[in-house]
Amino acid sequence: MNKRIKKKRELVSQVQGTKEAVDIVLGIIKNLIDENTKQADEIFELRSTVERNALATNSELKILHDKLKKPKKKSFFNRK
């Protein structure tokens, strides 16, 4: 009977250790998921910022291009 009790205690302690390890791993996984979610939100914000900046730059470059565009010379025969 004594051997059975010792074995049972060993198994109970091993199960408790395993439960603690699982709880630790679950906590780590939860933290990683939260961090991943935050990074996904930051990436979304950065992409929208980059898109707005690209649109603004393109519109400014178009304005400059239109201002710098040289008018074509009329041919000698079409001048009045």
PDB file of N, CA and C in Angstrom:
ATOM      1  N   MET A   1       0.827  -1.192   0.000  1.00  0.00           N
ATOM      2  CA  MET A   1       0.000   0.000   0.000  1.00  0.00           C
ATOM      3  C   MET A   1       0.871   1.256   0.000  1.00  0.00           C
ATOM      4  N   ASN A   2       1.974   1.217   0.677  1.00  0.00           N
ATOM      5  CA  ASN A   2       2.852   2.365   0.779  1.00  0.00           C
ATOM      6  C   ASN A   2       3.427   2.746  -0.588  1.00  0.00           C
ATOM      7  N   LYS A   3       3.754   1.728  -1.414  1.00  0.00           N
ATOM      8  CA  LYS A   3       4.298   2.006  -2.751  1.00  0.00           C
ATOM      9  C   LYS A   3       3.260   2.717  -3.618  1.00  0.00           C
ATOM     10  N   ARG A   4       2.022   2.282  -3.505  1.00  0.00           N
ATOM     11  CA  ARG A   4       0.954   2.914  -4.292  1.00  0.00           C
ATOM     12  C   ARG A   4       0.778   4.373  -3.903  1.00  0.00           C
ATOM     13  N   ILE A   5       0.822   4.666  -2.642  1.00  0.00           N
ATOM     14  CA  ILE A   5       0.664   6.047  -2.172  1.00  0.00           C
ATOM     15  C   ILE A   5       1.826   6.897  -2.676  1.00  0.00           C
ATOM     16  N   LYS A   6       3.045   6.370  -2.604  1.00  0.00           N
ATOM     17  CA  LYS A   6       4.212   7.127  -3.087  1.00  0.00           C
ATOM     18  C   LYS A   6       4.085   7.399  -4.587  1.00  0.00           C
ATOM     19  N   LYS A   7       3.692   6.351  -5.329  1.00  0.00           N
ATOM     20  CA  LYS A   7       3.541   6.518  -6.771  1.00  0.00           C
ATOM     21  C   LYS A   7       2.457   7.542  -7.098  1.00  0.00           C
ATOM     22  N   LYS A   8       1.371   7.466  -6.344  1.00  0.00           N
ATOM     23  CA  LYS A   8       0.277   8.414  -6.570  1.00  0.00           C
ATOM     24  C   LYS A   8       0.742   9.833  -6.293  1.00  0.00           C
ATOM     25  N   ARG A   9       1.484  10.034  -5.226  1.00  0.00           N
ATOM     26  CA  ARG A   9       1.997  11.376  -4.893  1.00  0.00           C
ATOM     27  C   ARG A   9       2.930  11.885  -5.989  1.00  0.00           C
ATOM     28  N   GLU A  10       3.798  10.980  -6.491  1.00  0.00           N
ATOM     29  CA  GLU A  10       4.705  11.373  -7.574  1.00  0.00           C
ATOM     30  C   GLU A  10       3.909  11.797  -8.809  1.00  0.00           C
ATOM     31  N   LEU A  11       2.910  11.009  -9.152  1.00  0.00           N
ATOM     32  CA  LEU A  11       2.094  11.335 -10.323  1.00  0.00           C
ATOM     33  C   LEU A  11       1.334  12.644 -10.126  1.00  0.00           C
ATOM     34  N   VAL A  12       0.809  12.852  -8.937  1.00  0.00           N
ATOM     35  CA  VAL A  12       0.086  14.095  -8.651  1.00  0.00           C
ATOM     36  C   VAL A  12       1.030  15.284  -8.770  1.00  0.00           C
ATOM     37  N   SER A  13       2.238  15.156  -8.240  1.00  0.00           N
ATOM     38  CA  SER A  13       3.183  16.271  -8.330  1.00  0.00           C
ATOM     39  C   SER A  13       3.600  16.514  -9.782  1.00  0.00           C
ATOM     40  N   GLN A  14       3.752  15.441 -10.553  1.00  0.00           N
ATOM     41  CA  GLN A  14       4.087  15.604 -11.970  1.00  0.00           C
ATOM     42  C   GLN A  14       2.951  16.278 -12.728  1.00  0.00           C
ATOM     43  N   VAL A  15       1.732  15.894 -12.428  1.00  0.00           N
ATOM     44  CA  VAL A  15       0.577  16.512 -13.087  1.00  0.00           C
ATOM     45  C   VAL A  15       0.487  17.993 -12.715  1.00  0.00           C
ATOM     46  N   GLN A  16       0.721  18.312 -11.460  1.00  0.00           N
ATOM     47  CA  GLN A  16       0.685  19.720 -11.041  1.00  0.00           C
ATOM     48  C   GLN A  16       1.782  20.516 -11.739  1.00  0.00           C
ATOM     49  N   GLY A  17       2.977  19.931 -11.855  1.00  0.00           N
ATOM     50  CA  GLY A  17       4.064  20.597 -12.574  1.00  0.00           C
ATOM     51  C   GLY A  17       3.715  20.815 -14.031  1.00  0.00           C
ATOM     52  N   THR A  18       3.074  19.823 -14.621  1.00  0.00           N
ATOM     53  CA  THR A  18       2.668  19.942 -16.015  1.00  0.00           C
ATOM     54  C   THR A  18       1.603  21.021 -16.179  1.00  0.00           C
ATOM     55  N   LYS A  19       0.664  21.067 -15.246  1.00  0.00           N
ATOM     56  CA  LYS A  19      -0.372  22.107 -15.305  1.00  0.00           C
ATOM     57  C   LYS A  19       0.249  23.494 -15.194  1.00  0.00           C
ATOM     58  N   GLU A  20       1.217  23.645 -14.298  1.00  0.00           N
ATOM     59  CA  GLU A  20       1.881  24.947 -14.147  1.00  0.00           C
ATOM     60  C   GLU A  20       2.618  25.321 -15.429  1.00  0.00           C
ATOM     61  N   ALA A  21       3.292  24.340 -16.037  1.00  0.00           N
ATOM     62  CA  ALA A  21       4.013  24.604 -17.283  1.00  0.00           C
ATOM     63  C   ALA A  21       3.040  25.000 -18.392  1.00  0.00           C
ATOM     64  N   VAL A  22       1.906  24.319 -18.453  1.00  0.00           N
ATOM     65  CA  VAL A  22       0.898  24.644 -19.465  1.00  0.00           C
ATOM     66  C   VAL A  22       0.354  26.051 -19.235  1.00  0.00           C
ATOM     67  N   ASP A  23       0.105  26.409 -17.980  1.00  0.00           N
ATOM     68  CA  ASP A  23      -0.380  27.762 -17.676  1.00  0.00           C
ATOM     69  C   ASP A  23       0.636  28.818 -18.086  1.00  0.00           C
ATOM     70  N   ILE A  24       1.904  28.550 -17.850  1.00  0.00           N
ATOM     71  CA  ILE A  24       2.958  29.494 -18.238  1.00  0.00           C
ATOM     72  C   ILE A  24       2.979  29.647 -19.760  1.00  0.00           C
ATOM     73  N   VAL A  25       2.918  28.519 -20.459  1.00  0.00           N
ATOM     74  CA  VAL A  25       2.946  28.558 -21.930  1.00  0.00           C
ATOM     75  C   VAL A  25       1.721  29.282 -22.477  1.00  0.00           C
ATOM     76  N   LEU A  26       0.557  29.035 -21.882  1.00  0.00           N
ATOM     77  CA  LEU A  26      -0.653  29.731 -22.329  1.00  0.00           C
ATOM     78  C   LEU A  26      -0.537  31.241 -22.109  1.00  0.00           C
ATOM     79  N   GLY A  27       0.050  31.632 -20.999  1.00  0.00           N
ATOM     80  CA  GLY A  27       0.268  33.062 -20.750  1.00  0.00           C
ATOM     81  C   GLY A  27       1.189  33.680 -21.782  1.00  0.00           C
ATOM     82  N   ILE A  28       2.251  32.964 -22.115  1.00  0.00           N
ATOM     83  CA  ILE A  28       3.193  33.457 -23.125  1.00  0.00           C
ATOM     84  C   ILE A  28       2.488  33.579 -24.477  1.00  0.00           C
ATOM     85  N   ILE A  29       1.707  32.572 -24.830  1.00  0.00           N
ATOM     86  CA  ILE A  29       0.985  32.599 -26.110  1.00  0.00           C
ATOM     87  C   ILE A  29       0.004  33.767 -26.145  1.00  0.00           C
ATOM     88  N   LYS A  30      -0.696  34.000 -25.041  1.00  0.00           N
ATOM     89  CA  LYS A  30      -1.646  35.122 -24.993  1.00  0.00           C
ATOM     90  C   LYS A  30      -0.918  36.448 -25.182  1.00  0.00           C
ATOM     91  N   ASN A  31       0.227  36.602 -24.521  1.00  0.00           N
ATOM     92  CA  ASN A  31       1.005  37.838 -24.680  1.00  0.00           C
ATOM     93  C   ASN A  31       1.479  38.017 -26.112  1.00  0.00           C
ATOM     94  N   LEU A  32       1.905  36.927 -26.744  1.00  0.00           N
ATOM     95  CA  LEU A  32       2.357  37.012 -28.132  1.00  0.00           C
ATOM     96  C   LEU A  32       1.211  37.380 -29.071  1.00  0.00           C
ATOM     97  N   ILE A  33       0.039  36.834 -28.807  1.00  0.00           N
ATOM     98  CA  ILE A  33      -1.121  37.173 -29.641  1.00  0.00           C
ATOM     99  C   ILE A  33      -1.474  38.649 -29.477  1.00  0.00           C
ATOM    100  N   ASP A  34      -1.440  39.151 -28.238  1.00  0.00           N
ATOM    101  CA  ASP A  34      -1.723  40.570 -28.005  1.00  0.00           C
ATOM    102  C   ASP A  34      -0.703  41.451 -28.714  1.00  0.00           C
ATOM    103  N   GLU A  35       0.568  41.064 -28.615  1.00  0.00           N
ATOM    104  CA  GLU A  35       1.622  41.841 -29.269  1.00  0.00           C
ATOM    105  C   GLU A  35       1.449  41.808 -30.789  1.00  0.00           C
ATOM    106  N   ASN A  36       1.087  40.652 -31.314  1.00  0.00           N
ATOM    107  CA  ASN A  36       0.864  40.510 -32.748  1.00  0.00           C
ATOM    108  C   ASN A  36      -0.292  41.400 -33.205  1.00  0.00           C
ATOM    109  N   THR A  37      -1.347  41.469 -32.410  1.00  0.00           N
ATOM    110  CA  THR A  37      -2.489  42.315 -32.739  1.00  0.00           C
ATOM    111  C   THR A  37      -2.080  43.788 -32.754  1.00  0.00           C
ATOM    112  N   LYS A  38      -1.300  44.197 -31.758  1.00  0.00           N
ATOM    113  CA  LYS A  38      -0.833  45.586 -31.712  1.00  0.00           C
ATOM    114  C   LYS A  38       0.026  45.906 -32.932  1.00  0.00           C
ATOM    115  N   GLN A  39       0.913  44.972 -33.294  1.00  0.00           N
ATOM    116  CA  GLN A  39       1.772  45.203 -34.450  1.00  0.00           C
ATOM    117  C   GLN A  39       0.960  45.264 -35.737  1.00  0.00           C
ATOM    118  N   ALA A  40      -0.082  44.457 -35.835  1.00  0.00           N
ATOM    119  CA  ALA A  40      -0.939  44.499 -37.026  1.00  0.00           C
ATOM    120  C   ALA A  40      -1.637  45.852 -37.127  1.00  0.00           C
ATOM    121  N   ASP A  41      -2.088  46.386 -35.992  1.00  0.00           N
ATOM    122  CA  ASP A  41      -2.724  47.706 -35.997  1.00  0.00           C
ATOM    123  C   ASP A  41      -1.725  48.788 -36.410  1.00  0.00           C
ATOM    124  N   GLU A  42      -0.494  48.697 -35.883  1.00  0.00           N
ATOM    125  CA  GLU A  42       0.536  49.679 -36.241  1.00  0.00           C
ATOM    126  C   GLU A  42       0.861  49.597 -37.732  1.00  0.00           C
ATOM    127  N   ILE A  43       0.945  48.388 -38.258  1.00  0.00           N
ATOM    128  CA  ILE A  43       1.229  48.214 -39.686  1.00  0.00           C
ATOM    129  C   ILE A  43       0.117  48.826 -40.525  1.00  0.00           C
ATOM    130  N   PHE A  44      -1.126  48.621 -40.110  1.00  0.00           N
ATOM    131  CA  PHE A  44      -2.255  49.202 -40.838  1.00  0.00           C
ATOM    132  C   PHE A  44      -2.164  50.722 -40.831  1.00  0.00           C
ATOM    133  N   GLU A  45      -1.856  51.307 -39.674  1.00  0.00           N
ATOM    134  CA  GLU A  45      -1.727  52.769 -39.588  1.00  0.00           C
ATOM    135  C   GLU A  45      -0.583  53.266 -40.456  1.00  0.00           C
ATOM    136  N   LEU A  46       0.552  52.557 -40.427  1.00  0.00           N
ATOM    137  CA  LEU A  46       1.699  52.984 -41.231  1.00  0.00           C
ATOM    138  C   LEU A  46       1.399  52.887 -42.730  1.00  0.00           C
ATOM    139  N   ARG A  47       0.697  51.841 -43.124  1.00  0.00           N
ATOM    140  CA  ARG A  47       0.345  51.719 -44.541  1.00  0.00           C
ATOM    141  C   ARG A  47      -0.580  52.840 -44.982  1.00  0.00           C
ATOM    142  N   SER A  48      -1.533  53.196 -44.137  1.00  0.00           N
ATOM    143  CA  SER A  48      -2.438  54.281 -44.514  1.00  0.00           C
ATOM    144  C   SER A  48      -1.681  55.607 -44.568  1.00  0.00           C
ATOM    145  N   THR A  49      -0.730  55.799 -43.659  1.00  0.00           N
ATOM    146  CA  THR A  49       0.093  57.015 -43.687  1.00  0.00           C
ATOM    147  C   THR A  49       0.922  57.064 -44.961  1.00  0.00           C
ATOM    148  N   VAL A  50       1.522  55.950 -45.327  1.00  0.00           N
ATOM    149  CA  VAL A  50       2.335  55.897 -46.547  1.00  0.00           C
ATOM    150  C   VAL A  50       1.468  56.184 -47.765  1.00  0.00           C
ATOM    151  N   GLU A  51       0.269  55.634 -47.783  1.00  0.00           N
ATOM    152  CA  GLU A  51      -0.630  55.869 -48.911  1.00  0.00           C
ATOM    153  C   GLU A  51      -1.008  57.343 -49.016  1.00  0.00           C
ATOM    154  N   ARG A  52      -1.339  57.963 -47.878  1.00  0.00           N
ATOM    155  CA  ARG A  52      -1.677  59.399 -47.894  1.00  0.00           C
ATOM    156  C   ARG A  52      -0.488  60.227 -48.353  1.00  0.00           C
ATOM    157  N   ASN A  53       0.714  59.884 -47.867  1.00  0.00           N
ATOM    158  CA  ASN A  53       1.906  60.624 -48.271  1.00  0.00           C
ATOM    159  C   ASN A  53       2.174  60.458 -49.765  1.00  0.00           C
ATOM    160  N   ALA A  54       1.975  59.261 -50.284  1.00  0.00           N
ATOM    161  CA  ALA A  54       2.199  59.036 -51.714  1.00  0.00           C
ATOM    162  C   ALA A  54       1.211  59.839 -52.548  1.00  0.00           C
ATOM    163  N   LEU A  55      -0.035  59.863 -52.129  1.00  0.00           N
ATOM    164  CA  LEU A  55      -1.031  60.650 -52.867  1.00  0.00           C
ATOM    165  C   LEU A  55      -0.702  62.138 -52.827  1.00  0.00           C
ATOM    166  N   ALA A  56      -0.293  62.614 -51.656  1.00  0.00           N
ATOM    167  CA  ALA A  56       0.052  64.030 -51.534  1.00  0.00           C
ATOM    168  C   ALA A  56       1.267  64.365 -52.395  1.00  0.00           C
ATOM    169  N   THR A  57       2.267  63.507 -52.368  1.00  0.00           N
ATOM    170  CA  THR A  57       3.467  63.739 -53.169  1.00  0.00           C
ATOM    171  C   THR A  57       3.139  63.709 -54.648  1.00  0.00           C
ATOM    172  N   ASN A  58       2.330  62.753 -55.054  1.00  0.00           N
ATOM    173  CA  ASN A  58       1.967  62.671 -56.471  1.00  0.00           C
ATOM    174  C   ASN A  58       1.199  63.909 -56.924  1.00  0.00           C
ATOM    175  N   SER A  59       0.301  64.397 -56.087  1.00  0.00           N
ATOM    176  CA  SER A  59      -0.446  65.593 -56.487  1.00  0.00           C
ATOM    177  C   SER A  59       0.481  66.804 -56.561  1.00  0.00           C
ATOM    178  N   GLU A  60       1.420  66.930 -55.637  1.00  0.00           N
ATOM    179  CA  GLU A  60       2.371  68.045 -55.687  1.00  0.00           C
ATOM    180  C   GLU A  60       3.253  67.938 -56.925  1.00  0.00           C
ATOM    181  N   LEU A  61       3.707  66.731 -57.232  1.00  0.00           N
ATOM    182  CA  LEU A  61       4.543  66.556 -58.417  1.00  0.00           C
ATOM    183  C   LEU A  61       3.763  66.846 -59.697  1.00  0.00           C
ATOM    184  N   LYS A  62       2.500  66.511 -59.720  1.00  0.00           N
ATOM    185  CA  LYS A  62       1.685  66.806 -60.898  1.00  0.00           C
ATOM    186  C   LYS A  62       1.544  68.312 -61.073  1.00  0.00           C
ATOM    187  N   ILE A  63       1.333  69.038 -59.965  1.00  0.00           N
ATOM    188  CA  ILE A  63       1.225  70.503 -60.035  1.00  0.00           C
ATOM    189  C   ILE A  63       2.525  71.086 -60.560  1.00  0.00           C
ATOM    190  N   LEU A  64       3.656  70.610 -60.020  1.00  0.00           N
ATOM    191  CA  LEU A  64       4.954  71.114 -60.486  1.00  0.00           C
ATOM    192  C   LEU A  64       5.187  70.761 -61.952  1.00  0.00           C
ATOM    193  N   HIS A  65       4.812  69.577 -62.327  1.00  0.00           N
ATOM    194  CA  HIS A  65       4.988  69.159 -63.721  1.00  0.00           C
ATOM    195  C   HIS A  65       4.177  70.040 -64.656  1.00  0.00           C
ATOM    196  N   ASP A  66       2.950  70.352 -64.265  1.00  0.00           N
ATOM    197  CA  ASP A  66       2.105  71.206 -65.095  1.00  0.00           C
ATOM    198  C   ASP A  66       2.658  72.623 -65.173  1.00  0.00           C
ATOM    199  N   LYS A  67       3.227  73.104 -64.082  1.00  0.00           N
ATOM    200  CA  LYS A  67       3.801  74.454 -64.089  1.00  0.00           C
ATOM    201  C   LYS A  67       5.048  74.525 -64.959  1.00  0.00           C
ATOM    202  N   LEU A  68       5.847  73.458 -64.928  1.00  0.00           N
ATOM    203  CA  LEU A  68       7.104  73.477 -65.664  1.00  0.00           C
ATOM    204  C   LEU A  68       6.958  73.047 -67.116  1.00  0.00           C
ATOM    205  N   LYS A  69       5.817  72.569 -67.468  1.00  0.00           N
ATOM    206  CA  LYS A  69       5.596  72.107 -68.830  1.00  0.00           C
ATOM    207  C   LYS A  69       5.762  73.285 -69.786  1.00  0.00           C
ATOM    208  N   LYS A  70       6.606  73.122 -70.756  1.00  0.00           N
ATOM    209  CA  LYS A  70       6.844  74.201 -71.715  1.00  0.00           C
ATOM    210  C   LYS A  70       5.799  74.110 -72.824  1.00  0.00           C
ATOM    211  N   PRO A  71       5.265  75.245 -73.190  1.00  0.00           N
ATOM    212  CA  PRO A  71       4.309  75.203 -74.307  1.00  0.00           C
ATOM    213  C   PRO A  71       5.054  74.857 -75.593  1.00  0.00           C
ATOM    214  N   LYS A  72       4.408  74.076 -76.423  1.00  0.00           N
ATOM    215  CA  LYS A  72       5.033  73.691 -77.676  1.00  0.00           C
ATOM    216  C   LYS A  72       5.016  74.885 -78.624  1.00  0.00           C
ATOM    217  N   LYS A  73       6.094  75.006 -79.357  1.00  0.00           N
ATOM    218  CA  LYS A  73       6.165  76.088 -80.348  1.00  0.00           C
ATOM    219  C   LYS A  73       5.300  75.711 -81.537  1.00  0.00           C
ATOM    220  N   LYS A  74       4.621  76.727 -82.022  1.00  0.00           N
ATOM    221  CA  LYS A  74       3.838  76.505 -83.221  1.00  0.00           C
ATOM    222  C   LYS A  74       4.799  76.464 -84.408  1.00  0.00           C
ATOM    223  N   SER A  75       4.412  75.716 -85.361  1.00  0.00           N
ATOM    224  CA  SER A  75       5.281  75.645 -86.539  1.00  0.00           C
ATOM    225  C   SER A  75       5.321  77.010 -87.227  1.00  0.00           C
ATOM    226  N   PHE A  76       6.316  77.225 -88.013  1.00  0.00           N
ATOM    227  CA  PHE A  76       6.516  78.512 -88.666  1.00  0.00           C
ATOM    228  C   PHE A  76       5.329  78.867 -89.563  1.00  0.00           C
ATOM    229  N   PHE A  77       4.720  77.883 -90.178  1.00  0.00           N
ATOM    230  CA  PHE A  77       3.638  78.132 -91.121  1.00  0.00           C
ATOM    231  C   PHE A  77       2.308  78.385 -90.438  1.00  0.00           C
ATOM    232  N   ASN A  78       2.157  77.975 -89.193  1.00  0.00           N
ATOM    233  CA  ASN A  78       0.902  78.161 -88.493  1.00  0.00           C
ATOM    234  C   ASN A  78       0.880  79.429 -87.631  1.00  0.00           C
ATOM    235  N   ARG A  79       1.978  80.160 -87.616  1.00  0.00           N
ATOM    236  CA  ARG A  79       2.022  81.370 -86.811  1.00  0.00           C
ATOM    237  C   ARG A  79       1.204  82.454 -87.483  1.00  0.00           C
ATOM    238  N   LYS A  80       0.597  83.293 -86.678  1.00  0.00           N
ATOM    239  CA  LYS A  80      -0.207  84.381 -87.227  1.00  0.00           C
ATOM    240  C   LYS A  80       0.321  85.703 -86.776  1.00  0.00           C
TER     241      LYS A  80
END
